[in-house]
């Protein structure tokens, strides 16, 4: 049980990393493929299908990253809060809970 605060911090850091990757890499790819999909409206049907498939894949990836980071944030906040309640390494537990809340906010912003 003494590892609980450390686990909360590690989960929160994983969630932060997932959110940052989503903001930096995946979300711009979704927007770019959306623009390409709109630009290919006069092209052949095969190109439109391909652009739609690419956009759908990026969109699904962004949703999955958002759900994953939201789950990690909730888990980190709960574990950090529980560890702080049990008086186990209170500063580290509070950091894990606070980082978990930050991850939750980032995940909601990523999914919006």
C-alpha atoms as a PDB file:
ATOM      1  CA  UNK A   1       0.000   0.000   0.000  1.00  0.00           C
ATOM      2  CA  UNK A   2       2.973   2.330   0.318  1.00  0.00           C
ATOM      3  CA  UNK A   3       3.346   2.261  -3.459  1.00  0.00           C
ATOM      4  CA  UNK A   4      -0.131   3.703  -4.035  1.00  0.00           C
ATOM      5  CA  UNK A   5       0.948   7.381  -4.260  1.00  0.00           C
ATOM      6  CA  UNK A   6       3.724   6.500  -6.687  1.00  0.00           C
ATOM      7  CA  UNK A   7       1.319   4.496  -8.841  1.00  0.00           C
ATOM      8  CA  UNK A   8      -1.048   7.487  -8.889  1.00  0.00           C
ATOM      9  CA  UNK A   9       1.730   9.793 -10.079  1.00  0.00           C
ATOM     10  CA  UNK A  10       2.895   7.349 -12.752  1.00  0.00           C
ATOM     11  CA  UNK A  11      -0.651   6.887 -14.069  1.00  0.00           C
ATOM     12  CA  UNK A  12      -1.170  10.650 -14.140  1.00  0.00           C
ATOM     13  CA  UNK A  13       2.074  11.174 -16.037  1.00  0.00           C
ATOM     14  CA  UNK A  14       1.009   8.536 -18.541  1.00  0.00           C
ATOM     15  CA  UNK A  15      -2.278  10.371 -18.999  1.00  0.00           C
ATOM     16  CA  UNK A  16      -0.482  13.680 -19.486  1.00  0.00           C
ATOM     17  CA  UNK A  17       1.766  12.095 -22.106  1.00  0.00           C
ATOM     18  CA  UNK A  18      -1.239  10.665 -23.938  1.00  0.00           C
ATOM     19  CA  UNK A  19      -2.985  14.053 -23.924  1.00  0.00           C
ATOM     20  CA  UNK A  20       0.082  15.897 -25.155  1.00  0.00           C
ATOM     21  CA  UNK A  21       0.543  13.407 -27.989  1.00  0.00           C
ATOM     22  CA  UNK A  22      -3.121  13.799 -28.881  1.00  0.00           C
ATOM     23  CA  UNK A  23      -2.867  17.597 -28.953  1.00  0.00           C
ATOM     24  CA  UNK A  24       0.434  17.714 -30.842  1.00  0.00           C
ATOM     25  CA  UNK A  25       0.096  14.852 -33.304  1.00  0.00           C
ATOM     26  CA  UNK A  26      -3.378  13.366 -33.624  1.00  0.00           C
ATOM     27  CA  UNK A  27      -5.650  16.424 -33.462  1.00  0.00           C
ATOM     28  CA  UNK A  28      -3.780  18.286 -36.260  1.00  0.00           C
ATOM     29  CA  UNK A  29      -3.932  15.102 -38.358  1.00  0.00           C
ATOM     30  CA  UNK A  30      -7.703  14.940 -37.861  1.00  0.00           C
ATOM     31  CA  UNK A  31      -8.047  18.576 -38.934  1.00  0.00           C
ATOM     32  CA  UNK A  32      -5.768  18.134 -41.954  1.00  0.00           C
ATOM     33  CA  UNK A  33      -7.572  15.011 -43.134  1.00  0.00           C
ATOM     34  CA  UNK A  34     -10.873  16.842 -42.670  1.00  0.00           C
ATOM     35  CA  UNK A  35      -9.631  19.606 -44.982  1.00  0.00           C
ATOM     36  CA  UNK A  36      -8.371  17.046 -47.522  1.00  0.00           C
ATOM     37  CA  UNK A  37     -11.710  15.260 -47.372  1.00  0.00           C
ATOM     38  CA  UNK A  38     -13.552  18.500 -48.128  1.00  0.00           C
ATOM     39  CA  UNK A  39     -11.111  19.374 -50.925  1.00  0.00           C
ATOM     40  CA  UNK A  40     -11.571  15.984 -52.586  1.00  0.00           C
ATOM     41  CA  UNK A  41     -15.322  16.497 -52.996  1.00  0.00           C
ATOM     42  CA  UNK A  42     -14.907  16.967 -56.772  1.00  0.00           C
ATOM     43  CA  UNK A  43     -12.564  13.996 -57.157  1.00  0.00           C
ATOM     44  CA  UNK A  44     -13.426  10.413 -58.014  1.00  0.00           C
ATOM     45  CA  UNK A  45     -15.472   8.293 -55.655  1.00  0.00           C
ATOM     46  CA  UNK A  46     -12.482   6.074 -54.805  1.00  0.00           C
ATOM     47  CA  UNK A  47     -10.428   9.076 -53.605  1.00  0.00           C
ATOM     48  CA  UNK A  48     -13.362  10.285 -51.532  1.00  0.00           C
ATOM     49  CA  UNK A  49     -13.693   6.848 -49.922  1.00  0.00           C
ATOM     50  CA  UNK A  50      -9.985   6.798 -49.147  1.00  0.00           C
ATOM     51  CA  UNK A  51     -10.025  10.281 -47.603  1.00  0.00           C
ATOM     52  CA  UNK A  52     -13.076   9.346 -45.567  1.00  0.00           C
ATOM     53  CA  UNK A  53     -11.365   6.179 -44.306  1.00  0.00           C
ATOM     54  CA  UNK A  54      -8.233   8.130 -43.316  1.00  0.00           C
ATOM     55  CA  UNK A  55     -10.309  10.741 -41.490  1.00  0.00           C
ATOM     56  CA  UNK A  56     -12.320   8.049 -39.692  1.00  0.00           C
ATOM     57  CA  UNK A  57      -9.141   6.302 -38.551  1.00  0.00           C
ATOM     58  CA  UNK A  58      -7.628   9.511 -37.179  1.00  0.00           C
ATOM     59  CA  UNK A  59     -10.921  10.451 -35.538  1.00  0.00           C
ATOM     60  CA  UNK A  60     -11.217   7.046 -33.847  1.00  0.00           C
ATOM     61  CA  UNK A  61      -7.613   7.303 -32.656  1.00  0.00           C
ATOM     62  CA  UNK A  62      -8.260  10.720 -31.136  1.00  0.00           C
ATOM     63  CA  UNK A  63     -11.370   9.420 -29.362  1.00  0.00           C
ATOM     64  CA  UNK A  64      -9.462   6.442 -28.001  1.00  0.00           C
ATOM     65  CA  UNK A  65      -6.647   8.678 -26.731  1.00  0.00           C
ATOM     66  CA  UNK A  66      -9.209  10.894 -25.043  1.00  0.00           C
ATOM     67  CA  UNK A  67     -10.931   7.949 -23.354  1.00  0.00           C
ATOM     68  CA  UNK A  68      -7.618   6.430 -22.279  1.00  0.00           C
ATOM     69  CA  UNK A  69      -6.333   9.639 -20.738  1.00  0.00           C
ATOM     70  CA  UNK A  70      -9.686  10.257 -19.036  1.00  0.00           C
ATOM     71  CA  UNK A  71      -9.548   6.794 -17.482  1.00  0.00           C
ATOM     72  CA  UNK A  72      -5.962   7.279 -16.370  1.00  0.00           C
ATOM     73  CA  UNK A  73      -6.839  10.669 -14.859  1.00  0.00           C
ATOM     74  CA  UNK A  74      -9.806   9.313 -12.943  1.00  0.00           C
ATOM     75  CA  UNK A  75      -7.781   6.376 -11.674  1.00  0.00           C
ATOM     76  CA  UNK A  76      -4.841   8.598 -10.648  1.00  0.00           C
ATOM     77  CA  UNK A  77      -7.116  11.064  -8.841  1.00  0.00           C
ATOM     78  CA  UNK A  78      -8.922   8.271  -7.017  1.00  0.00           C
ATOM     79  CA  UNK A  79      -5.735   6.442  -6.002  1.00  0.00           C
ATOM     80  CA  UNK A  80      -4.032   9.673  -4.956  1.00  0.00           C
ATOM     81  CA  UNK A  81      -7.036  10.768  -2.927  1.00  0.00           C
ATOM     82  CA  UNK A  82      -7.334   7.358  -1.282  1.00  0.00           C
ATOM     83  CA  UNK A  83      -3.631   7.315  -0.421  1.00  0.00           C
ATOM     84  CA  UNK A  84      -3.811  10.833   1.025  1.00  0.00           C
ATOM     85  CA  UNK A  85      -6.850   9.813   3.060  1.00  0.00           C
ATOM     86  CA  UNK A  86      -4.863   6.858   4.421  1.00  0.00           C
ATOM     87  CA  UNK A  87      -1.980   9.235   5.315  1.00  0.00           C
ATOM     88  CA  UNK A  88       0.524   7.476   3.062  1.00  0.00           C
ATOM     89  CA  UNK A  89       3.173   9.835   1.704  1.00  0.00           C
ATOM     90  CA  UNK A  90       0.672  12.661   1.730  1.00  0.00           C
ATOM     91  CA  UNK A  91       2.627  15.068  -0.493  1.00  0.00           C
ATOM     92  CA  UNK A  92       3.164  12.485  -3.221  1.00  0.00           C
ATOM     93  CA  UNK A  93      -0.431  11.307  -2.930  1.00  0.00           C
ATOM     94  CA  UNK A  94      -1.705  14.877  -3.229  1.00  0.00           C
ATOM     95  CA  UNK A  95       0.518  15.402  -6.271  1.00  0.00           C
ATOM     96  CA  UNK A  96      -0.910  12.252  -7.864  1.00  0.00           C
ATOM     97  CA  UNK A  97      -4.475  13.377  -7.174  1.00  0.00           C
ATOM     98  CA  UNK A  98      -3.807  16.901  -8.489  1.00  0.00           C
ATOM     99  CA  UNK A  99      -2.123  15.566 -11.622  1.00  0.00           C
ATOM    100  CA  UNK A 100      -5.080  13.220 -12.081  1.00  0.00           C
ATOM    101  CA  UNK A 101      -7.478  16.161 -12.041  1.00  0.00           C
ATOM    102  CA  UNK A 102      -5.273  17.995 -14.562  1.00  0.00           C
ATOM    103  CA  UNK A 103      -5.354  14.926 -16.817  1.00  0.00           C
ATOM    104  CA  UNK A 104      -9.158  14.810 -16.566  1.00  0.00           C
ATOM    105  CA  UNK A 105      -9.382  18.437 -17.684  1.00  0.00           C
ATOM    106  CA  UNK A 106      -6.921  17.848 -20.529  1.00  0.00           C
ATOM    107  CA  UNK A 107      -8.803  14.729 -21.663  1.00  0.00           C
ATOM    108  CA  UNK A 108     -12.102  16.585 -21.767  1.00  0.00           C
ATOM    109  CA  UNK A 109     -10.453  19.364 -23.793  1.00  0.00           C
ATOM    110  CA  UNK A 110      -8.923  16.770 -26.131  1.00  0.00           C
ATOM    111  CA  UNK A 111     -12.254  15.085 -26.738  1.00  0.00           C
ATOM    112  CA  UNK A 112     -14.138  18.328 -27.353  1.00  0.00           C
END
